[in-house]
Protein backbone atom coordinates (compact mmCIF):
# COMPACT_ATOMS: atom_id res chain seq x y z
CA UNK A 1 117.16 104.33 100.89
CA UNK A 2 113.79 102.59 100.04
CA UNK A 3 112.94 102.28 103.87
CA UNK A 4 113.69 105.89 104.53
CA UNK A 5 110.17 107.05 103.41
CA UNK A 6 108.66 104.45 105.68
CA UNK A 7 110.72 105.31 108.63
CA UNK A 8 109.78 109.05 108.32
CA UNK A 9 106.17 108.30 108.02
CA UNK A 10 106.31 106.32 111.00
CA UNK A 11 107.90 109.08 113.03
CA UNK A 12 105.57 111.64 111.30
CA UNK A 13 102.72 109.38 112.53
CA UNK A 14 103.88 109.54 116.10
CA UNK A 15 103.42 113.50 116.03
CA UNK A 16 100.11 113.29 113.87
CA UNK A 17 98.65 110.80 116.43
CA UNK A 18 99.51 113.13 119.35
CA UNK A 19 98.41 116.07 117.65
CA UNK A 20 95.08 114.70 116.99
CA UNK A 21 94.45 112.91 120.25
CA UNK A 22 97.09 113.84 122.93
CA UNK A 23 94.95 116.80 124.02
CA UNK A 24 92.24 114.34 125.13
CA UNK A 25 94.52 113.37 127.93
CA UNK A 26 96.96 116.07 128.54
CA UNK A 27 94.93 119.32 128.04
CA UNK A 28 91.39 118.26 128.99
CA UNK A 29 91.00 120.97 131.39
CA UNK A 30 92.78 123.71 129.41
CA UNK A 31 90.80 126.10 127.05
CA UNK A 32 90.09 124.77 123.65
CA UNK A 33 91.87 127.36 121.92
CA UNK A 34 95.03 126.45 123.75
CA UNK A 35 94.64 122.81 122.84
CA UNK A 36 94.15 123.71 119.00
CA UNK A 37 97.56 125.98 119.13
CA UNK A 38 99.42 123.22 120.89
CA UNK A 39 98.27 120.52 118.47
CA UNK A 40 99.11 122.95 115.54
CA UNK A 41 102.58 123.08 116.99
CA UNK A 42 103.04 119.34 117.28
CA UNK A 43 101.54 119.00 113.80
CA UNK A 44 104.31 121.25 112.22
CA UNK A 45 106.94 118.53 113.29
CA UNK A 46 104.52 115.92 111.70
CA UNK A 47 104.75 117.86 108.41
CA UNK A 48 108.33 118.26 108.53
CA UNK A 49 108.70 114.51 108.52
CA UNK A 50 105.50 113.60 106.22
CA UNK A 51 106.46 115.98 103.59
CA UNK A 52 110.04 114.63 102.66
CA UNK A 53 108.62 111.04 103.24
CA UNK A 54 106.35 111.53 100.57
CA UNK A 55 108.68 113.21 98.24
CA UNK A 56 111.46 110.70 98.69
CA UNK A 57 108.82 107.69 98.78
CA UNK A 58 107.45 108.79 95.37
CA UNK A 59 110.73 107.66 93.89
CA UNK A 60 110.14 104.13 95.29
CA UNK A 61 106.52 103.73 95.32
CA UNK A 62 103.18 104.81 93.57
CA UNK A 63 101.03 107.36 95.09
CA UNK A 64 98.35 104.65 96.31
CA UNK A 65 101.25 102.45 97.49
CA UNK A 66 102.26 105.61 99.75
CA UNK A 67 98.92 106.30 100.85
CA UNK A 68 98.40 102.45 101.99
CA UNK A 69 101.83 102.44 103.69
CA UNK A 70 100.68 105.61 105.58
CA UNK A 71 97.41 104.04 106.60
CA UNK A 72 98.92 100.96 107.73
CA UNK A 73 101.48 102.86 109.92
CA UNK A 74 98.80 105.02 111.21
CA UNK A 75 97.00 102.06 112.66
CA UNK A 76 100.13 100.64 114.17
CA UNK A 77 101.10 103.75 115.64
CA UNK A 78 97.62 104.51 116.95
CA UNK A 79 97.34 101.06 118.47
CA UNK A 80 100.51 101.53 120.66
CA UNK A 81 99.40 105.22 121.32
CA UNK A 82 95.94 104.04 122.44
CA UNK A 83 97.14 101.09 124.58
CA UNK A 84 100.20 102.48 126.07
CA UNK A 85 99.52 106.27 126.41
CA UNK A 86 96.01 106.55 126.46
CA UNK A 87 95.38 103.43 128.50
CA UNK A 88 92.51 102.15 126.32
CA UNK A 89 91.72 98.68 125.74
CA UNK A 90 92.24 97.36 122.00
CA UNK A 91 89.13 95.10 121.07
CA UNK A 92 88.70 92.41 118.56
CA UNK A 93 87.20 95.00 116.17
CA UNK A 94 90.48 96.82 116.10
CA UNK A 95 92.31 93.56 115.03
CA UNK A 96 89.67 92.90 112.27
CA UNK A 97 90.20 96.44 110.85
CA UNK A 98 93.93 96.12 110.90
CA UNK A 99 93.49 92.83 108.91
CA UNK A 100 91.49 94.83 106.50
CA UNK A 101 94.34 97.25 105.95
CA UNK A 102 96.71 94.43 105.81
CA UNK A 103 94.54 93.10 102.83
CA UNK A 104 94.62 96.49 101.16
CA UNK A 105 98.56 96.55 101.47
CA UNK A 106 98.57 92.97 99.93
CA UNK A 107 96.50 94.00 96.83
CA UNK A 108 98.42 97.35 96.54
CA UNK A 109 101.87 95.67 96.62
CA UNK A 110 101.24 92.26 95.06
CA UNK A 111 102.30 93.00 91.58
CA UNK A 112 105.73 94.68 92.54
CA UNK A 113 108.45 94.09 89.83
CA UNK A 114 111.22 91.74 90.93
CA UNK A 115 114.63 93.43 90.59
């Protein structure tokens, strides 16, 4: 059950990433108001996963830990989206930024109680 919020957050990030950036590829020639409407519709599904993920996750993690989990998942999902869907190159700078987030995760979780 401890991994349920992480899984939900990962899937919510797929919707969030598409809502934020997918229109740059798929709706470039469409009116902006249409892109906004479609993005809001996609974001609804993100919230349908993100809200329960945080509600469930708050039983296992602190609020700062949930935020760091979210950010790490965001970078992972975004990397895949950027490379595979948007056909963008991932540079060394992306790796360095990801390592900084890995450092944040280390510091946020290094004092977990052993059970």
